[in-house]
Amino acid sequence: MRIHKQQGMHTKRINLRLLSQLFLVVLVLPCAAAIAVDLLIGTLPFVTIAAILIFFPTAAIVISRAALRELDRVFDEVAPAPLSATEPSVDTL
């Protein structure tokens, strides 16, 4: 870790806690609730299958969008600012 700081490396990270919470809220809890409803009602596979058909694609979209948003945030913090119009670029040198 000390070497990275000496070389000027940034230690910005993706917020895994946010992604884990989204995974739990969007996928695990609804599917667990569907299994519980199936067991209570006695229609074991039907509500679970419906929940899986609804919540798996929803979770894939929501979690991937959140991960990409976090990645953009990290890139914005780590990447240098773009050159202004007055600064010479590599192509003109």
N, C-alpha and C. Protein backbone atom coordinates (compact mmCIF):
# COMPACT_ATOMS: atom_id res chain seq x y z
N MET A 1 0.82 -1.18 0.00
CA MET A 1 0.00 0.00 0.00
C MET A 1 0.87 1.24 0.00
N ARG A 2 1.94 1.19 0.72
CA ARG A 2 2.83 2.35 0.81
C ARG A 2 3.49 2.64 -0.55
N ILE A 3 3.80 1.61 -1.29
CA ILE A 3 4.41 1.79 -2.61
C ILE A 3 3.46 2.52 -3.54
N HIS A 4 2.18 2.17 -3.51
CA HIS A 4 1.21 2.81 -4.39
C HIS A 4 1.10 4.30 -4.11
N LYS A 5 1.13 4.68 -2.84
CA LYS A 5 1.02 6.10 -2.50
C LYS A 5 2.27 6.86 -2.93
N GLN A 6 3.42 6.21 -2.86
CA GLN A 6 4.65 6.86 -3.28
C GLN A 6 4.67 7.06 -4.79
N GLN A 7 4.10 6.15 -5.54
CA GLN A 7 4.09 6.24 -6.99
C GLN A 7 2.96 7.11 -7.50
N GLY A 8 2.15 7.65 -6.64
CA GLY A 8 1.06 8.53 -7.05
C GLY A 8 -0.21 7.78 -7.43
N MET A 9 -0.34 6.52 -7.06
CA MET A 9 -1.54 5.76 -7.39
C MET A 9 -2.68 6.18 -6.47
N HIS A 10 -3.86 6.22 -7.00
CA HIS A 10 -5.04 6.58 -6.22
C HIS A 10 -5.66 5.32 -5.64
N THR A 11 -6.29 5.44 -4.49
CA THR A 11 -6.91 4.28 -3.84
C THR A 11 -8.41 4.46 -3.76
N LYS A 12 -9.04 4.94 -4.80
CA LYS A 12 -10.49 5.07 -4.84
C LYS A 12 -11.08 3.69 -5.11
N ARG A 13 -12.20 3.41 -4.48
CA ARG A 13 -12.79 2.07 -4.60
C ARG A 13 -14.28 2.16 -4.92
N ILE A 14 -14.77 1.07 -5.47
CA ILE A 14 -16.19 0.93 -5.74
C ILE A 14 -16.89 0.61 -4.42
N ASN A 15 -18.04 1.20 -4.19
CA ASN A 15 -18.79 1.01 -2.96
C ASN A 15 -19.50 -0.35 -3.01
N LEU A 16 -18.84 -1.37 -2.49
CA LEU A 16 -19.41 -2.72 -2.52
C LEU A 16 -20.57 -2.88 -1.54
N ARG A 17 -20.60 -2.07 -0.50
CA ARG A 17 -21.70 -2.14 0.46
C ARG A 17 -23.02 -1.76 -0.22
N LEU A 18 -22.99 -0.73 -1.06
CA LEU A 18 -24.19 -0.32 -1.80
C LEU A 18 -24.65 -1.43 -2.73
N LEU A 19 -23.71 -2.04 -3.45
CA LEU A 19 -24.07 -3.12 -4.38
C LEU A 19 -24.61 -4.35 -3.63
N SER A 20 -24.03 -4.63 -2.48
CA SER A 20 -24.52 -5.77 -1.67
C SER A 20 -25.92 -5.50 -1.14
N GLN A 21 -26.16 -4.28 -0.70
CA GLN A 21 -27.49 -3.94 -0.21
C GLN A 21 -28.52 -4.01 -1.34
N LEU A 22 -28.16 -3.54 -2.52
CA LEU A 22 -29.08 -3.65 -3.66
C LEU A 22 -29.37 -5.10 -3.98
N PHE A 23 -28.33 -5.95 -3.94
CA PHE A 23 -28.52 -7.37 -4.21
C PHE A 23 -29.50 -7.99 -3.22
N LEU A 24 -29.34 -7.65 -1.95
CA LEU A 24 -30.24 -8.20 -0.93
C LEU A 24 -31.67 -7.70 -1.11
N VAL A 25 -31.83 -6.40 -1.35
CA VAL A 25 -33.17 -5.81 -1.42
C VAL A 25 -33.89 -6.19 -2.70
N VAL A 26 -33.16 -6.25 -3.81
CA VAL A 26 -33.82 -6.47 -5.10
C VAL A 26 -33.97 -7.95 -5.43
N LEU A 27 -33.10 -8.81 -4.91
CA LEU A 27 -33.17 -10.21 -5.31
C LEU A 27 -33.41 -11.17 -4.15
N VAL A 28 -32.61 -11.10 -3.13
CA VAL A 28 -32.67 -12.13 -2.07
C VAL A 28 -33.95 -12.02 -1.25
N LEU A 29 -34.27 -10.84 -0.78
CA LEU A 29 -35.48 -10.69 0.05
C LEU A 29 -36.77 -11.01 -0.70
N PRO A 30 -36.97 -10.53 -1.94
CA PRO A 30 -38.20 -10.90 -2.64
C PRO A 30 -38.31 -12.40 -2.93
N CYS A 31 -37.19 -13.03 -3.28
CA CYS A 31 -37.25 -14.47 -3.54
C CYS A 31 -37.48 -15.26 -2.26
N ALA A 32 -36.88 -14.82 -1.16
CA ALA A 32 -37.13 -15.49 0.12
C ALA A 32 -38.59 -15.31 0.55
N ALA A 33 -39.14 -14.12 0.31
CA ALA A 33 -40.55 -13.88 0.63
C ALA A 33 -41.45 -14.75 -0.25
N ALA A 34 -41.09 -14.92 -1.50
CA ALA A 34 -41.88 -15.77 -2.39
C ALA A 34 -41.85 -17.23 -1.94
N ILE A 35 -40.70 -17.69 -1.50
CA ILE A 35 -40.60 -19.06 -0.99
C ILE A 35 -41.44 -19.21 0.27
N ALA A 36 -41.41 -18.21 1.15
CA ALA A 36 -42.21 -18.26 2.37
C ALA A 36 -43.70 -18.26 2.05
N VAL A 37 -44.12 -17.44 1.08
CA VAL A 37 -45.54 -17.42 0.67
C VAL A 37 -45.93 -18.77 0.08
N ASP A 38 -45.05 -19.34 -0.74
CA ASP A 38 -45.32 -20.67 -1.30
C ASP A 38 -45.50 -21.72 -0.22
N LEU A 39 -44.65 -21.68 0.78
CA LEU A 39 -44.76 -22.67 1.85
C LEU A 39 -46.02 -22.46 2.69
N LEU A 40 -46.40 -21.20 2.91
CA LEU A 40 -47.60 -20.92 3.70
C LEU A 40 -48.88 -21.30 2.95
N ILE A 41 -48.92 -20.97 1.68
CA ILE A 41 -50.13 -21.24 0.90
C ILE A 41 -50.21 -22.71 0.47
N GLY A 42 -49.06 -23.31 0.21
CA GLY A 42 -49.03 -24.70 -0.22
C GLY A 42 -48.90 -24.86 -1.72
N THR A 43 -48.58 -23.80 -2.42
CA THR A 43 -48.38 -23.86 -3.88
C THR A 43 -46.90 -23.72 -4.18
N LEU A 44 -46.11 -24.67 -3.66
CA LEU A 44 -44.67 -24.50 -3.57
C LEU A 44 -43.96 -23.95 -4.81
N PRO A 45 -44.05 -24.49 -5.98
CA PRO A 45 -43.17 -23.92 -7.00
C PRO A 45 -43.72 -22.69 -7.72
N PHE A 46 -45.01 -22.41 -7.66
CA PHE A 46 -45.60 -21.43 -8.57
C PHE A 46 -45.25 -19.98 -8.23
N VAL A 47 -45.40 -19.56 -7.00
CA VAL A 47 -45.07 -18.19 -6.63
C VAL A 47 -43.56 -17.97 -6.71
N THR A 48 -42.79 -19.00 -6.37
CA THR A 48 -41.33 -18.89 -6.46
C THR A 48 -40.89 -18.72 -7.91
N ILE A 49 -41.47 -19.48 -8.81
CA ILE A 49 -41.14 -19.35 -10.24
C ILE A 49 -41.51 -17.97 -10.76
N ALA A 50 -42.67 -17.49 -10.38
CA ALA A 50 -43.09 -16.14 -10.81
C ALA A 50 -42.14 -15.08 -10.26
N ALA A 51 -41.74 -15.22 -9.00
CA ALA A 51 -40.82 -14.25 -8.40
C ALA A 51 -39.46 -14.28 -9.10
N ILE A 52 -39.00 -15.46 -9.43
CA ILE A 52 -37.72 -15.59 -10.13
C ILE A 52 -37.80 -14.96 -11.51
N LEU A 53 -38.90 -15.19 -12.20
CA LEU A 53 -39.06 -14.61 -13.54
C LEU A 53 -39.13 -13.08 -13.49
N ILE A 54 -39.62 -12.53 -12.40
CA ILE A 54 -39.72 -11.07 -12.28
C ILE A 54 -38.45 -10.47 -11.71
N PHE A 55 -37.93 -11.04 -10.64
CA PHE A 55 -36.86 -10.37 -9.89
C PHE A 55 -35.45 -10.64 -10.41
N PHE A 56 -35.19 -11.75 -11.10
CA PHE A 56 -33.84 -11.97 -11.63
C PHE A 56 -33.49 -10.94 -12.71
N PRO A 57 -34.34 -10.73 -13.72
CA PRO A 57 -33.99 -9.69 -14.71
C PRO A 57 -33.96 -8.29 -14.10
N THR A 58 -34.89 -8.02 -13.18
CA THR A 58 -34.90 -6.72 -12.52
C THR A 58 -33.62 -6.50 -11.74
N ALA A 59 -33.18 -7.50 -11.01
CA ALA A 59 -31.94 -7.38 -10.24
C ALA A 59 -30.74 -7.22 -11.16
N ALA A 60 -30.73 -7.93 -12.27
CA ALA A 60 -29.61 -7.80 -13.21
C ALA A 60 -29.50 -6.38 -13.73
N ILE A 61 -30.63 -5.78 -14.07
CA ILE A 61 -30.62 -4.41 -14.60
C ILE A 61 -30.23 -3.41 -13.51
N VAL A 62 -30.86 -3.51 -12.36
CA VAL A 62 -30.62 -2.54 -11.28
C VAL A 62 -29.18 -2.62 -10.77
N ILE A 63 -28.68 -3.82 -10.54
CA ILE A 63 -27.34 -3.98 -10.00
C ILE A 63 -26.28 -3.60 -11.03
N SER A 64 -26.47 -3.96 -12.28
CA SER A 64 -25.48 -3.59 -13.30
C SER A 64 -25.45 -2.08 -13.51
N ARG A 65 -26.60 -1.42 -13.48
CA ARG A 65 -26.61 0.04 -13.59
C ARG A 65 -25.93 0.70 -12.40
N ALA A 66 -26.15 0.17 -11.21
CA ALA A 66 -25.50 0.73 -10.02
C ALA A 66 -23.99 0.50 -10.07
N ALA A 67 -23.57 -0.67 -10.53
CA ALA A 67 -22.13 -0.96 -10.64
C ALA A 67 -21.48 -0.04 -11.67
N LEU A 68 -22.14 0.18 -12.79
CA LEU A 68 -21.59 1.09 -13.80
C LEU A 68 -21.55 2.53 -13.29
N ARG A 69 -22.55 2.93 -12.53
CA ARG A 69 -22.56 4.27 -11.95
C ARG A 69 -21.40 4.43 -10.96
N GLU A 70 -21.15 3.41 -10.15
CA GLU A 70 -20.01 3.45 -9.23
C GLU A 70 -18.69 3.48 -9.98
N LEU A 71 -18.60 2.73 -11.06
CA LEU A 71 -17.38 2.72 -11.86
C LEU A 71 -17.13 4.09 -12.49
N ASP A 72 -18.18 4.73 -12.97
CA ASP A 72 -18.05 6.08 -13.51
C ASP A 72 -17.58 7.06 -12.43
N ARG A 73 -18.09 6.90 -11.22
CA ARG A 73 -17.68 7.77 -10.13
C ARG A 73 -16.20 7.61 -9.82
N VAL A 74 -15.74 6.36 -9.80
CA VAL A 74 -14.32 6.10 -9.53
C VAL A 74 -13.47 6.64 -10.67
N PHE A 75 -13.90 6.46 -11.91
CA PHE A 75 -13.14 6.99 -13.05
C PHE A 75 -13.06 8.50 -12.99
N ASP A 76 -14.15 9.16 -12.60
CA ASP A 76 -14.14 10.62 -12.50
C ASP A 76 -13.17 11.10 -11.42
N GLU A 77 -13.03 10.35 -10.35
CA GLU A 77 -12.12 10.73 -9.28
C GLU A 77 -10.67 10.45 -9.62
N VAL A 78 -10.42 9.40 -10.38
CA VAL A 78 -9.05 8.96 -10.65
C VAL A 78 -8.49 9.56 -11.93
N ALA A 79 -9.29 9.65 -12.97
CA ALA A 79 -8.80 10.09 -14.28
C ALA A 79 -8.47 11.57 -14.26
N PRO A 80 -7.47 11.96 -15.01
CA PRO A 80 -7.15 13.38 -15.08
C PRO A 80 -8.22 14.15 -15.86
N ALA A 81 -8.27 15.44 -15.59
CA ALA A 81 -9.24 16.29 -16.29
C ALA A 81 -8.86 16.38 -17.77
N PRO A 82 -9.82 16.53 -18.65
CA PRO A 82 -9.49 16.64 -20.07
C PRO A 82 -8.73 17.94 -20.36
N LEU A 83 -7.96 17.92 -21.42
CA LEU A 83 -7.18 19.10 -21.80
C LEU A 83 -8.11 20.22 -22.24
N SER A 84 -7.73 21.42 -21.88
CA SER A 84 -8.52 22.57 -22.35
C SER A 84 -8.12 22.89 -23.78
N ALA A 85 -8.84 23.77 -24.42
CA ALA A 85 -8.59 24.11 -25.82
C ALA A 85 -7.27 24.84 -25.99
N THR A 86 -6.75 25.48 -24.95
CA THR A 86 -5.50 26.24 -25.07
C THR A 86 -4.27 25.39 -24.87
N GLU A 87 -4.40 24.22 -24.26
CA GLU A 87 -3.25 23.35 -24.02
C GLU A 87 -2.96 22.52 -25.27
N PRO A 88 -1.71 22.34 -25.62
CA PRO A 88 -1.40 21.51 -26.80
C PRO A 88 -1.64 20.03 -26.50
N SER A 89 -2.13 19.32 -27.46
CA SER A 89 -2.37 17.89 -27.29
C SER A 89 -1.19 17.12 -27.86
N VAL A 90 -1.20 15.83 -27.72
CA VAL A 90 -0.12 14.97 -28.20
C VAL A 90 -0.06 15.01 -29.73
N ASP A 91 -1.21 15.12 -30.38
CA ASP A 91 -1.25 15.12 -31.84
C ASP A 91 -0.57 16.34 -32.44
N THR A 92 -0.59 17.47 -31.77
CA THR A 92 -0.03 18.69 -32.34
C THR A 92 1.46 18.84 -32.04
N LEU A 93 2.01 18.01 -31.17
CA LEU A 93 3.44 18.13 -30.83
C LEU A 93 4.29 17.49 -31.82
